[in-house]
């Protein structure tokens, strides 16, 4: 039987323009596992889109994406 990886998207209770996508490896780990965050606007020159923040665990796996609209 093939195991299904879970992803979940949540919207902030405080701000409906903020969403967070938890990727499959995020579910394997405990809360507070973000080791490094990369801000897309710091990586791409002249980026014009919404704030997108990429969260990585200590092993370098992308575990979550925050989108601030």
N, C-alpha and C. Protein backbone atom coordinates (compact mmCIF):
# COMPACT_ATOMS: atom_id res chain seq x y z
N UNK A 1 0.84 -1.17 0.00
CA UNK A 1 0.00 0.00 0.00
C UNK A 1 0.89 1.25 0.00
N UNK A 2 0.57 2.23 -0.81
CA UNK A 2 1.33 3.45 -0.92
C UNK A 2 0.90 4.44 0.17
N UNK A 3 1.89 4.99 0.87
CA UNK A 3 1.59 5.97 1.91
C UNK A 3 1.39 7.34 1.27
N UNK A 4 0.38 8.06 1.72
CA UNK A 4 0.09 9.38 1.18
C UNK A 4 0.74 10.44 2.06
N UNK A 5 1.53 11.30 1.44
CA UNK A 5 2.14 12.41 2.18
C UNK A 5 1.09 13.50 2.36
N UNK A 6 1.08 14.09 3.54
CA UNK A 6 0.08 15.11 3.85
C UNK A 6 0.68 16.50 3.73
N UNK A 7 -0.11 17.39 3.20
CA UNK A 7 0.19 18.81 3.19
C UNK A 7 -1.04 19.50 3.76
N UNK A 8 -0.82 20.66 4.37
CA UNK A 8 -1.98 21.41 4.86
C UNK A 8 -1.73 22.90 4.68
N UNK A 9 -2.79 23.59 4.36
CA UNK A 9 -2.73 25.04 4.20
C UNK A 9 -3.61 25.66 5.26
N UNK A 10 -3.04 26.58 6.03
CA UNK A 10 -3.82 27.28 7.05
C UNK A 10 -3.76 28.77 6.78
N UNK A 11 -4.82 29.44 7.16
CA UNK A 11 -4.89 30.90 7.04
C UNK A 11 -4.89 31.46 8.45
N UNK A 12 -4.14 32.53 8.65
CA UNK A 12 -4.02 33.14 9.98
C UNK A 12 -5.38 33.59 10.50
N UNK A 13 -5.63 33.34 11.78
CA UNK A 13 -6.85 33.83 12.42
C UNK A 13 -6.83 35.35 12.54
N UNK A 14 -5.63 35.92 12.65
CA UNK A 14 -5.48 37.36 12.84
C UNK A 14 -5.47 38.15 11.54
N UNK A 15 -5.02 37.51 10.45
CA UNK A 15 -4.87 38.23 9.19
C UNK A 15 -5.19 37.27 8.04
N UNK A 16 -6.32 37.44 7.38
CA UNK A 16 -6.71 36.52 6.31
C UNK A 16 -5.83 36.61 5.06
N UNK A 17 -4.88 37.54 5.03
CA UNK A 17 -3.98 37.62 3.88
C UNK A 17 -2.69 36.83 4.11
N UNK A 18 -2.59 36.14 5.24
CA UNK A 18 -1.41 35.34 5.56
C UNK A 18 -1.79 33.86 5.59
N UNK A 19 -1.07 33.07 4.77
CA UNK A 19 -1.30 31.63 4.73
C UNK A 19 0.00 30.89 4.95
N UNK A 20 -0.10 29.65 5.43
CA UNK A 20 1.09 28.83 5.64
C UNK A 20 0.82 27.43 5.10
N UNK A 21 1.68 26.99 4.21
CA UNK A 21 1.59 25.66 3.63
C UNK A 21 2.62 24.75 4.31
N UNK A 22 2.12 23.78 5.09
CA UNK A 22 3.01 22.80 5.71
C UNK A 22 3.21 21.67 4.70
N UNK A 23 4.47 21.41 4.38
CA UNK A 23 4.82 20.35 3.45
C UNK A 23 4.98 19.02 4.19
N UNK A 24 5.01 17.89 3.48
CA UNK A 24 5.00 16.58 4.14
C UNK A 24 6.01 16.40 5.27
N UNK A 25 7.22 16.84 5.10
CA UNK A 25 8.23 16.64 6.16
C UNK A 25 7.93 17.45 7.41
N UNK A 26 7.15 18.50 7.29
CA UNK A 26 6.79 19.30 8.46
C UNK A 26 5.94 18.47 9.41
N UNK A 27 5.10 17.61 8.87
CA UNK A 27 4.21 16.79 9.69
C UNK A 27 4.97 15.70 10.44
N UNK A 28 6.17 15.34 9.96
CA UNK A 28 6.96 14.32 10.64
C UNK A 28 7.63 14.87 11.88
N UNK A 29 7.67 16.17 12.01
CA UNK A 29 8.46 16.82 13.04
C UNK A 29 7.59 17.57 14.04
N UNK A 30 8.19 17.98 15.12
CA UNK A 30 7.47 18.73 16.15
C UNK A 30 7.41 20.21 15.76
N UNK A 31 6.55 20.94 16.44
CA UNK A 31 6.47 22.39 16.22
C UNK A 31 7.81 23.03 16.57
N UNK A 32 8.10 24.14 15.96
CA UNK A 32 9.34 24.86 16.24
C UNK A 32 10.55 24.24 15.56
N UNK A 33 10.35 23.54 14.45
CA UNK A 33 11.44 22.85 13.78
C UNK A 33 12.12 23.68 12.70
N UNK A 34 11.66 24.90 12.49
CA UNK A 34 12.26 25.73 11.45
C UNK A 34 13.66 26.13 11.88
N UNK A 35 14.64 25.75 11.07
CA UNK A 35 16.04 26.05 11.36
C UNK A 35 16.52 27.27 10.58
N UNK A 36 15.93 27.48 9.39
CA UNK A 36 16.36 28.59 8.54
C UNK A 36 15.18 29.04 7.70
N UNK A 37 15.05 30.34 7.52
CA UNK A 37 14.03 30.91 6.65
C UNK A 37 14.72 31.73 5.57
N UNK A 38 14.31 31.52 4.33
CA UNK A 38 14.80 32.31 3.20
C UNK A 38 13.64 33.14 2.69
N UNK A 39 13.87 34.43 2.58
CA UNK A 39 12.85 35.37 2.11
C UNK A 39 13.04 35.57 0.61
N UNK A 40 12.02 35.24 -0.16
CA UNK A 40 12.13 35.27 -1.61
C UNK A 40 12.56 36.63 -2.14
N UNK A 41 12.07 37.71 -1.53
CA UNK A 41 12.44 39.06 -2.02
C UNK A 41 13.92 39.36 -1.82
N UNK A 42 14.61 38.60 -0.94
CA UNK A 42 16.05 38.79 -0.76
C UNK A 42 16.86 37.98 -1.77
N UNK A 43 16.22 36.99 -2.41
CA UNK A 43 16.92 36.10 -3.33
C UNK A 43 16.72 36.53 -4.79
N UNK A 44 15.56 37.07 -5.10
CA UNK A 44 15.24 37.45 -6.48
C UNK A 44 15.21 38.98 -6.58
N UNK A 45 16.11 39.51 -7.37
CA UNK A 45 16.16 40.96 -7.57
C UNK A 45 14.87 41.46 -8.22
N UNK A 46 14.37 42.57 -7.73
CA UNK A 46 13.18 43.22 -8.27
C UNK A 46 11.93 42.34 -8.20
N UNK A 47 11.87 41.43 -7.24
CA UNK A 47 10.68 40.59 -7.07
C UNK A 47 9.49 41.47 -6.73
N UNK A 48 8.37 41.27 -7.41
CA UNK A 48 7.21 42.14 -7.27
C UNK A 48 5.99 41.45 -6.66
N UNK A 49 6.09 40.18 -6.33
CA UNK A 49 4.94 39.43 -5.83
C UNK A 49 4.76 39.56 -4.33
N UNK A 50 3.86 38.75 -3.77
CA UNK A 50 3.62 38.77 -2.33
C UNK A 50 4.87 38.27 -1.59
N UNK A 51 4.97 38.61 -0.30
CA UNK A 51 6.07 38.09 0.50
C UNK A 51 5.92 36.57 0.60
N UNK A 52 6.97 35.86 0.22
CA UNK A 52 6.99 34.40 0.32
C UNK A 52 8.24 34.02 1.10
N UNK A 53 8.03 33.28 2.19
CA UNK A 53 9.12 32.89 3.06
C UNK A 53 9.22 31.36 3.06
N UNK A 54 10.40 30.85 2.78
CA UNK A 54 10.63 29.41 2.69
C UNK A 54 11.30 28.93 3.97
N UNK A 55 10.67 27.98 4.67
CA UNK A 55 11.18 27.46 5.92
C UNK A 55 11.83 26.10 5.71
N UNK A 56 13.04 25.92 6.28
CA UNK A 56 13.81 24.69 6.15
C UNK A 56 14.09 24.10 7.53
N UNK A 57 14.18 22.76 7.60
CA UNK A 57 14.55 22.13 8.86
C UNK A 57 16.07 22.04 8.95
N UNK A 58 16.57 21.45 10.02
CA UNK A 58 18.02 21.41 10.23
C UNK A 58 18.75 20.53 9.21
N UNK A 59 18.02 19.65 8.51
CA UNK A 59 18.63 18.82 7.47
C UNK A 59 18.57 19.45 6.09
N UNK A 60 18.02 20.67 5.99
CA UNK A 60 17.96 21.37 4.72
C UNK A 60 16.73 21.07 3.88
N UNK A 61 15.76 20.34 4.44
CA UNK A 61 14.52 20.06 3.70
C UNK A 61 13.56 21.24 3.81
N UNK A 62 12.95 21.60 2.69
CA UNK A 62 11.90 22.62 2.70
C UNK A 62 10.68 22.00 3.38
N UNK A 63 10.24 22.63 4.49
CA UNK A 63 9.14 22.04 5.25
C UNK A 63 7.90 22.92 5.28
N UNK A 64 8.03 24.20 4.89
CA UNK A 64 6.86 25.07 4.91
C UNK A 64 7.08 26.33 4.10
N UNK A 65 5.96 26.89 3.64
CA UNK A 65 5.99 28.12 2.84
C UNK A 65 4.96 29.07 3.42
N UNK A 66 5.42 30.25 3.83
CA UNK A 66 4.51 31.28 4.31
C UNK A 66 4.28 32.27 3.19
N UNK A 67 3.01 32.61 2.98
CA UNK A 67 2.64 33.56 1.93
C UNK A 67 1.90 34.72 2.59
N UNK A 68 2.44 35.92 2.41
CA UNK A 68 1.84 37.11 2.99
C UNK A 68 1.34 37.98 1.85
N UNK A 69 0.01 38.01 1.66
CA UNK A 69 -0.58 38.68 0.52
C UNK A 69 -0.71 40.09 0.62
